[in-house]
Structure formats: structure tokens, C-alpha cells
Amino acid sequence: MNIFGIGLPEMAVIFTIALLVFGPKKLPEIGRSFGKALRGFQDASRDFESEFTREAKQLEEAVATTKKPEPEKIATAKEDTANS
């Protein structure tokens, strides 16, 4: 198990130090706060990703709906300008 580049032994040491510093009563509250912050970050990340995907899809649709000039129309336009 490797979270954020931290292995299980490192996580155990961090947990032990946190337990000594904050005490057993405060540690669950800190864990909940951290969990809520992490959840908020994940939600914001998901929202950003969906917004980006939606905008990219709209841009692709806009490009697909714009018609490219047909070669016949281009040739006719060049002849009209040459005759003028």
C-alpha cells in the first residue's frame, strides 16, 4: 500500500506521532476534518474535469457543424474575382 509515496511503516510512524501530539480524544476529530477536506478537493476536481469535458465537447460540436467551403464554390469565387 503506497499513498502519496508513503508506505505502511511511514504511515504508522506518522500516526503514532500524531497520537502522541494530539491525544486519543482529538485524533478522530482531526481525521474527520482531514477526510472532509479531501472529499471537498475530490469534488472540486471532479467538477473541474466535467466542466472541461463539457467545454471540449461543445467546441468539437461547433467545429463539426461549421461547414468547410466546397472546392466548387472556391473555384467559382476565384473566377468571379478574376473577371472583375
Protein backbone atom coordinates (compact mmCIF):
# COMPACT_ATOMS: atom_id res chain seq x y z
CA MET A 1 0.00 0.00 0.00
CA ASN A 2 1.54 3.28 -1.13
CA ILE A 3 -0.38 6.53 -0.63
CA PHE A 4 1.27 9.79 -1.72
CA GLY A 5 4.61 7.97 -1.84
CA ILE A 6 4.29 6.97 1.83
CA GLY A 7 4.48 3.29 2.71
CA LEU A 8 2.86 1.45 5.60
CA PRO A 9 5.80 1.84 8.05
CA GLU A 10 5.94 5.60 7.47
CA MET A 11 2.18 5.89 7.95
CA ALA A 12 2.45 4.00 11.26
CA VAL A 13 5.16 6.39 12.48
CA ILE A 14 3.12 9.44 11.45
CA PHE A 15 0.02 8.02 13.18
CA THR A 16 1.98 7.32 16.37
CA ILE A 17 3.44 10.84 16.45
CA ALA A 18 0.00 12.35 15.79
CA LEU A 19 -1.45 10.25 18.60
CA LEU A 20 1.24 11.49 20.99
CA VAL A 21 0.89 15.14 19.94
CA PHE A 22 -2.90 15.46 19.72
CA GLY A 23 -4.07 12.71 22.08
CA PRO A 24 -6.64 9.99 21.56
CA LYS A 25 -9.64 12.32 22.03
CA LYS A 26 -8.64 14.87 19.41
CA LEU A 27 -7.37 12.44 16.75
CA PRO A 28 -10.80 11.29 15.41
CA GLU A 29 -11.89 14.91 15.05
CA ILE A 30 -8.73 15.73 13.10
CA GLY A 31 -9.27 12.65 10.93
CA ARG A 32 -12.83 13.74 10.14
CA SER A 33 -11.65 17.25 9.25
CA PHE A 34 -8.96 15.86 7.00
CA GLY A 35 -11.47 13.49 5.37
CA LYS A 36 -13.91 16.34 4.71
CA ALA A 37 -11.14 18.48 3.20
CA LEU A 38 -10.00 15.60 0.99
CA ARG A 39 -13.60 14.95 -0.09
CA GLY A 40 -14.04 18.64 -0.96
CA PHE A 41 -10.88 18.55 -3.04
CA GLN A 42 -12.08 15.44 -4.88
CA ASP A 43 -15.47 17.03 -5.58
CA ALA A 44 -13.85 20.20 -6.91
CA SER A 45 -11.52 18.13 -9.07
CA ARG A 46 -14.45 16.12 -10.45
CA ASP A 47 -16.41 19.33 -11.16
CA PHE A 48 -13.43 20.84 -12.97
CA GLU A 49 -12.97 17.69 -15.05
CA SER A 50 -16.64 17.55 -16.04
CA GLU A 51 -16.65 21.26 -16.93
CA PHE A 52 -13.53 20.82 -19.05
CA THR A 53 -15.00 17.77 -20.79
CA ARG A 54 -18.28 19.57 -21.49
CA GLU A 55 -16.50 22.60 -22.95
CA ALA A 56 -14.30 20.38 -25.12
CA LYS A 57 -17.36 18.54 -26.42
CA GLN A 58 -19.12 21.83 -27.21
CA LEU A 59 -16.05 23.04 -29.08
CA GLU A 60 -15.86 19.81 -31.08
CA GLU A 61 -19.55 20.09 -31.97
CA ALA A 62 -19.10 23.71 -33.04
CA VAL A 63 -16.19 22.78 -35.29
CA ALA A 64 -18.13 19.83 -36.74
CA THR A 65 -21.20 21.94 -37.52
CA THR A 66 -19.32 24.68 -39.34
CA LYS A 67 -19.20 23.73 -42.97
CA LYS A 68 -15.94 23.69 -44.81
CA PRO A 69 -16.05 25.58 -48.13
CA GLU A 70 -16.66 23.27 -51.05
CA PRO A 71 -13.97 23.22 -53.76
CA GLU A 72 -16.52 24.23 -56.43
CA LYS A 73 -17.51 27.36 -54.53
CA ILE A 74 -13.88 28.32 -54.04
CA ALA A 75 -13.15 27.91 -57.76
CA THR A 76 -16.23 29.98 -58.65
CA ALA A 77 -15.24 32.70 -56.21
CA LYS A 78 -11.74 32.86 -57.71
CA GLU A 79 -13.16 33.11 -61.23
CA ASP A 80 -15.55 35.89 -60.16
CA THR A 81 -12.71 37.93 -58.67
CA ALA A 82 -10.53 37.31 -61.72
CA ASN A 83 -13.29 38.51 -64.07
CA SER A 84 -13.90 41.70 -62.08
